[in-house]
Amino acid sequence: MTSDATIRRATHEDAAAIAACYRDAYRVGAERGFPTRMTEIGADTVYEWLDADAITLVAEPGETNVGDGGSGGTEPDGSQPVVGTVRLLEERETPYIERLAVVESWQGNGLGQRLFDRAESIVQSRGYDTAQLTTYDTHPFLYEWYESQGYEPIETHEKPDRPYDYVTMERRFE
């Protein structure tokens, strides 16, 4: 299975499709005990995020689709579906990668890697030598995946009322 998707910078017209992508992708984590407001996110909130000083990338299906047999067609409103997204914030001293999401039917085919690589490429092209992100310390695959990408934990944010903590991770680029 290949990741036949086009990655581009998001526009305001993508807000509803991005919200749908988040709801689908984050549902999987929520079902595993990692609560998130992303399972209920609406287009209006995503639209506001797109106004912020950040870069949001989206992945759209190409001519052929992977996953559950869907086509690379359009949504009922005529827009192109978003099957993955990632956001890069530059409001801090160190760029921050967040909200990496791939719809469930596209997971496991390398699209998340492609989105993540593109975000890191932007970080490096802008002259930064580090990037940060935050994840759950006990997530069944994300923590280890970020480590495999070269990220190391630099700070733990304890959550005494929850069975997990948040960990800020950082990668230094050579």
N, C-alpha and C. Protein backbone atom coordinates (compact mmCIF):
# COMPACT_ATOMS: atom_id res chain seq x y z
N MET A 1 0.85 -1.17 0.00
CA MET A 1 0.00 0.00 0.00
C MET A 1 0.89 1.23 0.00
N THR A 2 0.57 2.20 -0.83
CA THR A 2 1.38 3.41 -0.91
C THR A 2 0.57 4.60 -0.45
N SER A 3 1.26 5.66 -0.22
CA SER A 3 0.64 6.91 0.23
C SER A 3 0.52 7.86 -0.95
N ASP A 4 -0.46 7.62 -1.81
CA ASP A 4 -0.68 8.44 -2.98
C ASP A 4 -1.50 9.66 -2.60
N ALA A 5 -0.84 10.64 -2.02
CA ALA A 5 -1.51 11.85 -1.56
C ALA A 5 -0.64 13.06 -1.89
N THR A 6 -1.30 14.17 -2.11
CA THR A 6 -0.62 15.44 -2.34
C THR A 6 -0.61 16.22 -1.04
N ILE A 7 0.56 16.74 -0.68
CA ILE A 7 0.68 17.57 0.52
C ILE A 7 0.85 19.01 0.09
N ARG A 8 0.06 19.88 0.71
CA ARG A 8 0.12 21.31 0.41
C ARG A 8 -0.23 22.10 1.66
N ARG A 9 -0.01 23.39 1.59
CA ARG A 9 -0.39 24.27 2.70
C ARG A 9 -1.91 24.44 2.72
N ALA A 10 -2.49 24.40 3.90
CA ALA A 10 -3.94 24.52 4.06
C ALA A 10 -4.40 25.95 3.80
N THR A 11 -5.65 26.06 3.38
CA THR A 11 -6.32 27.35 3.23
C THR A 11 -7.57 27.33 4.11
N HIS A 12 -8.20 28.48 4.26
CA HIS A 12 -9.42 28.56 5.05
C HIS A 12 -10.52 27.65 4.50
N GLU A 13 -10.52 27.42 3.20
CA GLU A 13 -11.52 26.55 2.60
C GLU A 13 -11.38 25.11 3.06
N ASP A 14 -10.25 24.75 3.65
CA ASP A 14 -10.01 23.40 4.13
C ASP A 14 -10.51 23.16 5.56
N ALA A 15 -11.02 24.18 6.23
CA ALA A 15 -11.34 24.08 7.65
C ALA A 15 -12.26 22.91 7.98
N ALA A 16 -13.35 22.75 7.26
CA ALA A 16 -14.29 21.66 7.55
C ALA A 16 -13.64 20.29 7.32
N ALA A 17 -12.89 20.15 6.25
CA ALA A 17 -12.24 18.87 5.94
C ALA A 17 -11.15 18.55 6.96
N ILE A 18 -10.42 19.56 7.43
CA ILE A 18 -9.41 19.34 8.47
C ILE A 18 -10.07 18.90 9.76
N ALA A 19 -11.18 19.56 10.13
CA ALA A 19 -11.91 19.18 11.34
C ALA A 19 -12.36 17.73 11.26
N ALA A 20 -12.87 17.31 10.11
CA ALA A 20 -13.31 15.93 9.92
C ALA A 20 -12.12 14.97 10.06
N CYS A 21 -10.98 15.35 9.52
CA CYS A 21 -9.76 14.54 9.63
C CYS A 21 -9.37 14.38 11.10
N TYR A 22 -9.36 15.48 11.85
CA TYR A 22 -9.03 15.41 13.28
C TYR A 22 -9.99 14.49 14.02
N ARG A 23 -11.29 14.65 13.78
CA ARG A 23 -12.27 13.83 14.51
C ARG A 23 -12.03 12.35 14.25
N ASP A 24 -11.75 11.98 13.01
CA ASP A 24 -11.51 10.59 12.67
C ASP A 24 -10.20 10.10 13.28
N ALA A 25 -9.14 10.82 13.08
CA ALA A 25 -7.81 10.37 13.52
C ALA A 25 -7.69 10.31 15.04
N TYR A 26 -8.18 11.30 15.73
CA TYR A 26 -8.03 11.34 17.18
C TYR A 26 -9.02 10.43 17.90
N ARG A 27 -10.05 9.97 17.22
CA ARG A 27 -11.00 9.03 17.80
C ARG A 27 -10.28 7.76 18.22
N VAL A 28 -9.32 7.31 17.41
CA VAL A 28 -8.58 6.09 17.71
C VAL A 28 -7.86 6.21 19.05
N GLY A 29 -7.18 7.32 19.28
CA GLY A 29 -6.50 7.54 20.56
C GLY A 29 -7.47 7.66 21.71
N ALA A 30 -8.58 8.34 21.49
CA ALA A 30 -9.58 8.51 22.54
C ALA A 30 -10.15 7.16 22.96
N GLU A 31 -10.35 6.27 22.00
CA GLU A 31 -10.85 4.93 22.31
C GLU A 31 -9.85 4.13 23.13
N ARG A 32 -8.58 4.53 23.07
CA ARG A 32 -7.53 3.84 23.84
C ARG A 32 -7.28 4.53 25.17
N GLY A 33 -8.12 5.49 25.55
CA GLY A 33 -8.01 6.12 26.86
C GLY A 33 -7.26 7.43 26.90
N PHE A 34 -7.00 8.03 25.75
CA PHE A 34 -6.32 9.31 25.70
C PHE A 34 -7.31 10.38 25.27
N PRO A 35 -8.03 10.96 26.23
CA PRO A 35 -9.09 11.92 25.88
C PRO A 35 -8.53 13.15 25.18
N THR A 36 -9.33 13.68 24.27
CA THR A 36 -8.92 14.86 23.53
C THR A 36 -10.14 15.59 23.02
N ARG A 37 -10.07 16.87 22.99
CA ARG A 37 -11.17 17.66 22.45
C ARG A 37 -11.19 17.60 20.92
N MET A 38 -10.17 17.02 20.34
CA MET A 38 -10.08 16.94 18.88
C MET A 38 -11.16 16.02 18.30
N THR A 39 -11.73 15.15 19.09
CA THR A 39 -12.79 14.27 18.59
C THR A 39 -14.11 15.02 18.39
N GLU A 40 -14.16 16.24 18.88
CA GLU A 40 -15.38 17.04 18.75
C GLU A 40 -15.11 18.39 18.07
N ILE A 41 -13.95 18.53 17.48
CA ILE A 41 -13.53 19.80 16.90
C ILE A 41 -14.43 20.19 15.72
N GLY A 42 -14.72 21.48 15.63
CA GLY A 42 -15.55 21.97 14.54
C GLY A 42 -14.76 22.83 13.56
N ALA A 43 -15.35 23.04 12.41
CA ALA A 43 -14.70 23.82 11.36
C ALA A 43 -14.42 25.24 11.82
N ASP A 44 -15.28 25.82 12.65
CA ASP A 44 -15.08 27.19 13.10
C ASP A 44 -13.79 27.34 13.90
N THR A 45 -13.48 26.36 14.74
CA THR A 45 -12.24 26.39 15.52
C THR A 45 -11.03 26.24 14.61
N VAL A 46 -11.09 25.31 13.67
CA VAL A 46 -9.99 25.11 12.74
C VAL A 46 -9.79 26.37 11.90
N TYR A 47 -10.86 27.00 11.49
CA TYR A 47 -10.78 28.24 10.72
C TYR A 47 -10.00 29.30 11.50
N GLU A 48 -10.26 29.42 12.80
CA GLU A 48 -9.52 30.36 13.64
C GLU A 48 -8.05 29.99 13.74
N TRP A 49 -7.76 28.69 13.84
CA TRP A 49 -6.37 28.25 13.90
C TRP A 49 -5.64 28.63 12.62
N LEU A 50 -6.34 28.57 11.50
CA LEU A 50 -5.72 28.91 10.23
C LEU A 50 -5.40 30.40 10.13
N ASP A 51 -6.06 31.21 10.96
CA ASP A 51 -5.75 32.64 11.03
C ASP A 51 -4.48 32.91 11.83
N ALA A 52 -4.11 31.97 12.69
CA ALA A 52 -2.94 32.15 13.56
C ALA A 52 -1.66 32.11 12.76
N ASP A 53 -0.59 32.59 13.38
CA ASP A 53 0.72 32.58 12.74
C ASP A 53 1.31 31.17 12.85
N ALA A 54 0.88 30.31 11.96
CA ALA A 54 1.34 28.93 11.95
C ALA A 54 1.24 28.42 10.52
N ILE A 55 1.84 27.27 10.30
CA ILE A 55 1.74 26.62 9.00
C ILE A 55 0.99 25.31 9.22
N THR A 56 -0.11 25.16 8.53
CA THR A 56 -0.86 23.91 8.57
C THR A 56 -0.75 23.28 7.20
N LEU A 57 -0.31 22.03 7.20
CA LEU A 57 -0.21 21.27 5.96
C LEU A 57 -1.34 20.25 5.91
N VAL A 58 -1.85 19.98 4.72
CA VAL A 58 -2.87 18.96 4.55
C VAL A 58 -2.44 18.00 3.45
N ALA A 59 -2.94 16.78 3.56
CA ALA A 59 -2.73 15.76 2.54
C ALA A 59 -4.09 15.42 1.94
N GLU A 60 -4.14 15.44 0.61
CA GLU A 60 -5.35 15.09 -0.13
C GLU A 60 -5.08 13.83 -0.93
N PRO A 61 -6.10 13.00 -1.12
CA PRO A 61 -5.89 11.80 -1.93
C PRO A 61 -5.52 12.16 -3.36
N GLY A 62 -4.69 11.34 -3.95
CA GLY A 62 -4.35 11.52 -5.36
C GLY A 62 -5.39 10.86 -6.23
N GLU A 63 -5.00 10.46 -7.41
CA GLU A 63 -5.93 9.83 -8.36
C GLU A 63 -6.48 8.51 -7.82
N THR A 64 -5.63 7.79 -7.07
CA THR A 64 -6.10 6.56 -6.46
C THR A 64 -5.99 6.72 -4.96
N ASN A 65 -6.82 6.05 -4.24
CA ASN A 65 -6.85 6.15 -2.78
C ASN A 65 -6.41 4.82 -2.19
N VAL A 66 -5.85 4.90 -0.98
CA VAL A 66 -5.54 3.69 -0.25
C VAL A 66 -6.55 3.56 0.87
N GLY A 67 -6.44 2.51 1.61
CA GLY A 67 -7.33 2.39 2.76
C GLY A 67 -8.50 1.50 2.48
N ASP A 68 -9.70 2.00 2.74
CA ASP A 68 -10.87 1.14 2.71
C ASP A 68 -11.60 1.15 1.38
N GLY A 69 -10.91 1.37 0.30
CA GLY A 69 -11.52 1.23 -1.01
C GLY A 69 -12.15 2.49 -1.54
N GLY A 70 -12.01 3.60 -0.81
CA GLY A 70 -12.59 4.85 -1.28
C GLY A 70 -11.84 5.38 -2.49
N SER A 71 -12.45 6.29 -3.19
CA SER A 71 -11.79 6.90 -4.34
C SER A 71 -11.17 8.22 -3.93
N GLY A 72 -10.45 8.80 -4.81
CA GLY A 72 -9.84 10.09 -4.54
C GLY A 72 -10.78 11.23 -4.87
N GLY A 73 -12.08 11.01 -4.82
CA GLY A 73 -13.08 12.00 -5.21
C GLY A 73 -13.21 13.16 -4.26
N THR A 74 -14.34 13.86 -4.36
CA THR A 74 -14.57 15.05 -3.57
C THR A 74 -15.60 14.78 -2.48
N GLU A 75 -15.65 15.71 -1.53
CA GLU A 75 -16.63 15.67 -0.46
C GLU A 75 -17.99 16.11 -1.03
N PRO A 76 -19.08 15.88 -0.28
CA PRO A 76 -20.41 16.31 -0.75
C PRO A 76 -20.50 17.80 -1.05
N ASP A 77 -19.72 18.62 -0.36
CA ASP A 77 -19.77 20.06 -0.62
C ASP A 77 -18.87 20.48 -1.77
N GLY A 78 -18.23 19.52 -2.44
CA GLY A 78 -17.37 19.81 -3.57
C GLY A 78 -15.91 19.98 -3.21
N SER A 79 -15.59 20.00 -1.92
CA SER A 79 -14.20 20.17 -1.50
C SER A 79 -13.47 18.83 -1.57
N GLN A 80 -12.16 18.91 -1.60
CA GLN A 80 -11.32 17.72 -1.60
C GLN A 80 -11.21 17.22 -0.16
N PRO A 81 -11.31 15.92 0.09
CA PRO A 81 -11.16 15.42 1.45
C PRO A 81 -9.72 15.58 1.94
N VAL A 82 -9.56 15.79 3.22
CA VAL A 82 -8.24 15.85 3.84
C VAL A 82 -8.03 14.53 4.57
N VAL A 83 -6.97 13.81 4.21
CA VAL A 83 -6.71 12.52 4.82
C VAL A 83 -5.56 12.58 5.83
N GLY A 84 -4.93 13.74 5.94
CA GLY A 84 -3.88 13.93 6.92
C GLY A 84 -3.55 15.39 7.06
N THR A 85 -3.01 15.74 8.22
CA THR A 85 -2.64 17.13 8.48
C THR A 85 -1.59 17.20 9.58
N VAL A 86 -0.86 18.29 9.61
CA VAL A 86 0.11 18.58 10.66
C VAL A 86 0.24 20.09 10.74
N ARG A 87 0.58 20.59 11.92
CA ARG A 87 0.67 22.04 12.13
C ARG A 87 2.04 22.39 12.72
N LEU A 88 2.60 23.49 12.26
CA LEU A 88 3.89 23.97 12.74
C LEU A 88 3.71 25.37 13.30
N LEU A 89 3.99 25.52 14.60
CA LEU A 89 3.91 26.82 15.25
C LEU A 89 5.30 27.42 15.35
N GLU A 90 5.38 28.72 15.08
CA GLU A 90 6.66 29.42 15.22
C GLU A 90 6.54 30.57 16.20
N GLU A 91 5.58 30.49 17.11
CA GLU A 91 5.37 31.57 18.07
C GLU A 91 6.32 31.47 19.27
N ARG A 92 7.00 30.37 19.40
CA ARG A 92 7.95 30.16 20.49
C ARG A 92 9.37 30.31 19.94
N GLU A 93 10.32 30.30 20.84
CA GLU A 93 11.73 30.37 20.41
C GLU A 93 12.10 29.16 19.57
N THR A 94 11.55 28.00 19.94
CA THR A 94 11.78 26.77 19.21
C THR A 94 10.50 26.38 18.49
N PRO A 95 10.55 26.10 17.19
CA PRO A 95 9.34 25.69 16.48
C PRO A 95 8.72 24.45 17.11
N TYR A 96 7.41 24.39 17.04
CA TYR A 96 6.64 23.36 17.72
C TYR A 96 5.74 22.66 16.71
N ILE A 97 5.91 21.35 16.57
CA ILE A 97 5.10 20.56 15.65
C ILE A 97 3.95 19.95 16.45
N GLU A 98 2.73 20.14 15.94
CA GLU A 98 1.58 19.62 16.68
C GLU A 98 0.49 19.15 15.73
N ARG A 99 -0.48 18.49 16.31
CA ARG A 99 -1.70 18.07 15.62
C ARG A 99 -1.45 17.23 14.37
N LEU A 100 -0.49 16.35 14.45
CA LEU A 100 -0.29 15.39 13.37
C LEU A 100 -1.48 14.43 13.40
N ALA A 101 -2.15 14.30 12.29
CA ALA A 101 -3.33 13.44 12.23
C ALA A 101 -3.45 12.81 10.85
N VAL A 102 -3.78 11.53 10.83
CA VAL A 102 -4.05 10.81 9.59
C VAL A 102 -5.33 10.02 9.83
N VAL A 103 -6.29 10.15 8.92
CA VAL A 103 -7.54 9.41 9.09
C VAL A 103 -7.25 7.92 9.16
N GLU A 104 -8.09 7.21 9.90
CA GLU A 104 -7.82 5.80 10.19
C GLU A 104 -7.61 4.96 8.93
N SER A 105 -8.40 5.19 7.89
CA SER A 105 -8.28 4.36 6.68
C SER A 105 -6.96 4.59 5.93
N TRP A 106 -6.23 5.65 6.27
CA TRP A 106 -4.95 5.93 5.63
C TRP A 106 -3.76 5.66 6.56
N GLN A 107 -4.02 5.27 7.79
CA GLN A 107 -2.93 5.02 8.73
C GLN A 107 -2.14 3.78 8.34
N GLY A 108 -0.85 3.81 8.63
CA GLY A 108 0.01 2.67 8.37
C GLY A 108 0.60 2.61 6.98
N ASN A 109 0.47 3.68 6.19
CA ASN A 109 1.00 3.64 4.82
C ASN A 109 2.08 4.69 4.58
N GLY A 110 2.55 5.35 5.64
CA GLY A 110 3.64 6.31 5.49
C GLY A 110 3.21 7.75 5.32
N LEU A 111 1.92 8.03 5.30
CA LEU A 111 1.47 9.41 5.13
C LEU A 111 1.84 10.28 6.32
N GLY A 112 1.70 9.76 7.53
CA GLY A 112 2.10 10.51 8.72
C GLY A 112 3.58 10.87 8.66
N GLN A 113 4.39 9.93 8.21
CA GLN A 113 5.83 10.18 8.07
C GLN A 113 6.09 11.29 7.07
N ARG A 114 5.39 11.24 5.94
CA ARG A 114 5.57 12.28 4.91
C ARG A 114 5.17 13.66 5.44
N LEU A 115 4.05 13.74 6.14
CA LEU A 115 3.62 15.02 6.71
C LEU A 115 4.65 15.53 7.73
N PHE A 116 5.09 14.63 8.59
CA PHE A 116 6.06 14.99 9.62
C PHE A 116 7.38 15.44 9.00
N ASP A 117 7.84 14.70 7.99
CA ASP A 117 9.08 15.07 7.31
C ASP A 117 8.96 16.46 6.67
N ARG A 118 7.81 16.75 6.09
CA ARG A 118 7.61 18.05 5.46
C ARG A 118 7.65 19.17 6.51
N ALA A 119 7.03 18.95 7.66
CA ALA A 119 7.07 19.96 8.72
C ALA A 119 8.51 20.18 9.19
N GLU A 120 9.26 19.09 9.37
CA GLU A 120 10.66 19.23 9.78
C GLU A 120 11.48 19.93 8.71
N SER A 121 11.20 19.67 7.47
CA SER A 121 11.90 20.32 6.37
C SER A 121 11.68 21.84 6.41
N ILE A 122 10.47 22.25 6.70
CA ILE A 122 10.18 23.68 6.83
C ILE A 122 10.96 24.27 7.99
N VAL A 123 10.98 23.56 9.11
CA VAL A 123 11.75 24.02 10.28
C VAL A 123 13.20 24.29 9.88
N GLN A 124 13.81 23.32 9.22
CA GLN A 124 15.21 23.44 8.84
C GLN A 124 15.43 24.52 7.78
N SER A 125 14.51 24.63 6.83
CA SER A 125 14.67 25.63 5.76
C SER A 125 14.58 27.05 6.31
N ARG A 126 13.98 27.20 7.47
CA ARG A 126 13.86 28.53 8.09
C ARG A 126 15.01 28.81 9.05
N GLY A 127 15.99 27.92 9.06
CA GLY A 127 17.21 28.17 9.82
C GLY A 127 17.20 27.73 11.27
N TYR A 128 16.18 27.01 11.69
CA TYR A 128 16.14 26.50 13.07
C TYR A 128 16.97 25.24 13.17
N ASP A 129 17.56 25.02 14.34
CA ASP A 129 18.33 23.80 14.54
C ASP A 129 17.65 22.82 15.49
N THR A 130 16.46 23.18 15.99
CA THR A 130 15.70 22.28 16.85
C THR A 130 14.21 22.42 16.56
N ALA A 131 13.47 21.38 16.94
CA ALA A 131 12.01 21.40 16.91
C ALA A 131 11.52 20.66 18.14
N GLN A 132 10.31 21.02 18.60
CA GLN A 132 9.73 20.37 19.77
C GLN A 132 8.32 19.88 19.45
N LEU A 133 7.84 18.99 20.31
CA LEU A 133 6.47 18.49 20.26
C LEU A 133 6.13 17.95 21.64
N THR A 134 4.86 17.65 21.86
CA THR A 134 4.42 17.07 23.12
C THR A 134 3.55 15.86 22.81
N THR A 135 3.72 14.80 23.60
CA THR A 135 2.92 13.60 23.44
C THR A 135 2.67 12.97 24.81
N TYR A 136 1.85 11.93 24.85
CA TYR A 136 1.59 11.18 26.07
C TYR A 136 2.74 10.22 26.33
N ASP A 137 3.15 10.10 27.60
CA ASP A 137 4.27 9.22 27.92
C ASP A 137 3.94 7.74 27.76
N THR A 138 2.66 7.38 27.87
CA THR A 138 2.29 5.96 27.78
C THR A 138 1.50 5.63 26.51
N HIS A 139 1.53 6.51 25.53
CA HIS A 139 0.81 6.23 24.29
C HIS A 139 1.37 4.95 23.68
N PRO A 140 0.49 4.09 23.13
CA PRO A 140 0.98 2.78 22.66
C PRO A 140 1.91 2.82 21.46
N PHE A 141 2.01 3.93 20.75
CA PHE A 141 2.96 3.95 19.63
C PHE A 141 3.59 5.31 19.38
N LEU A 142 2.95 6.41 19.75
CA LEU A 142 3.49 7.72 19.39
C LEU A 142 4.81 8.04 20.07
N TYR A 143 4.91 7.78 21.38
CA TYR A 143 6.14 8.12 22.09
C TYR A 143 7.35 7.46 21.43
N GLU A 144 7.24 6.16 21.18
CA GLU A 144 8.35 5.43 20.57
C GLU A 144 8.59 5.90 19.13
N TRP A 145 7.51 6.23 18.42
CA TRP A 145 7.68 6.70 17.05
C TRP A 145 8.44 8.02 17.03
N TYR A 146 8.10 8.95 17.92
CA TYR A 146 8.82 10.22 17.97
C TYR A 146 10.28 9.99 18.35
N GLU A 147 10.54 9.05 19.26
CA GLU A 147 11.93 8.72 19.58
C GLU A 147 12.66 8.21 18.34
N SER A 148 11.98 7.39 17.55
CA SER A 148 12.62 6.86 16.34
C SER A 148 12.89 7.96 15.31
N GLN A 149 12.23 9.09 15.45
CA GLN A 149 12.45 10.23 14.57
C GLN A 149 13.57 11.14 15.09
N GLY A 150 14.16 10.78 16.24
CA GLY A 150 15.26 11.56 16.80
C GLY A 150 14.87 12.50 17.92
N TYR A 151 13.63 12.42 18.40
CA TYR A 151 13.18 13.29 19.48
C TYR A 151 13.50 12.66 20.82
N GLU A 152 13.94 13.52 21.75
CA GLU A 152 14.28 13.07 23.09
C GLU A 152 13.46 13.85 24.10
N PRO A 153 13.04 13.20 25.20
CA PRO A 153 12.25 13.91 26.21
C PRO A 153 13.09 14.98 26.89
N ILE A 154 12.50 16.17 27.07
CA ILE A 154 13.20 17.24 27.76
C ILE A 154 12.42 17.75 28.98
N GLU A 155 11.13 17.43 29.05
CA GLU A 155 10.32 17.88 30.18
C GLU A 155 9.07 17.02 30.29
N THR A 156 8.73 16.66 31.54
CA THR A 156 7.51 15.91 31.79
C THR A 156 6.53 16.81 32.52
N HIS A 157 5.29 16.79 32.05
CA HIS A 157 4.21 17.57 32.65
C HIS A 157 3.28 16.58 33.33
N GLU A 158 3.39 16.47 34.65
CA GLU A 158 2.64 15.46 35.39
C GLU A 158 1.16 15.80 35.43
N LYS A 159 0.35 14.75 35.31
CA LYS A 159 -1.11 14.84 35.38
C LYS A 159 -1.58 13.87 36.47
N PRO A 160 -1.60 14.31 37.74
CA PRO A 160 -1.92 13.39 38.83
C PRO A 160 -3.32 12.77 38.75
N ASP A 161 -4.23 13.42 38.04
CA ASP A 161 -5.59 12.89 37.91
C ASP A 161 -5.77 11.95 36.72
N ARG A 162 -4.68 11.68 36.01
CA ARG A 162 -4.77 10.83 34.81
C ARG A 162 -3.68 9.76 34.87
N PRO A 163 -3.89 8.65 34.14
CA PRO A 163 -2.90 7.57 34.17
C PRO A 163 -1.72 7.80 33.22
N TYR A 164 -1.52 9.01 32.79
CA TYR A 164 -0.42 9.33 31.88
C TYR A 164 0.04 10.76 32.17
N ASP A 165 1.21 11.07 31.70
CA ASP A 165 1.76 12.42 31.76
C ASP A 165 2.02 12.88 30.33
N TYR A 166 2.17 14.17 30.16
CA TYR A 166 2.57 14.72 28.87
C TYR A 166 4.07 14.91 28.89
N VAL A 167 4.71 14.63 27.77
CA VAL A 167 6.16 14.76 27.67
C VAL A 167 6.48 15.69 26.50
N THR A 168 7.26 16.73 26.78
CA THR A 168 7.78 17.57 25.71
C THR A 168 9.06 16.93 25.22
N MET A 169 9.15 16.78 23.90
CA MET A 169 10.31 16.16 23.28
C MET A 169 10.94 17.14 22.31
N GLU A 170 12.23 16.99 22.11
CA GLU A 170 12.95 17.91 21.23
C GLU A 170 13.91 17.13 20.35
N ARG A 171 14.08 17.64 19.14
CA ARG A 171 15.06 17.08 18.21
C ARG A 171 16.00 18.18 17.78
N ARG A 172 17.27 17.88 17.78
CA ARG A 172 18.29 18.78 17.25
C ARG A 172 18.66 18.27 15.86
N PHE A 173 18.68 19.19 14.92
CA PHE A 173 19.04 18.83 13.55
C PHE A 173 20.53 19.06 13.37
N GLU A 174 21.17 18.17 12.66
CA GLU A 174 22.62 18.25 12.42
C GLU A 174 22.94 19.34 11.43
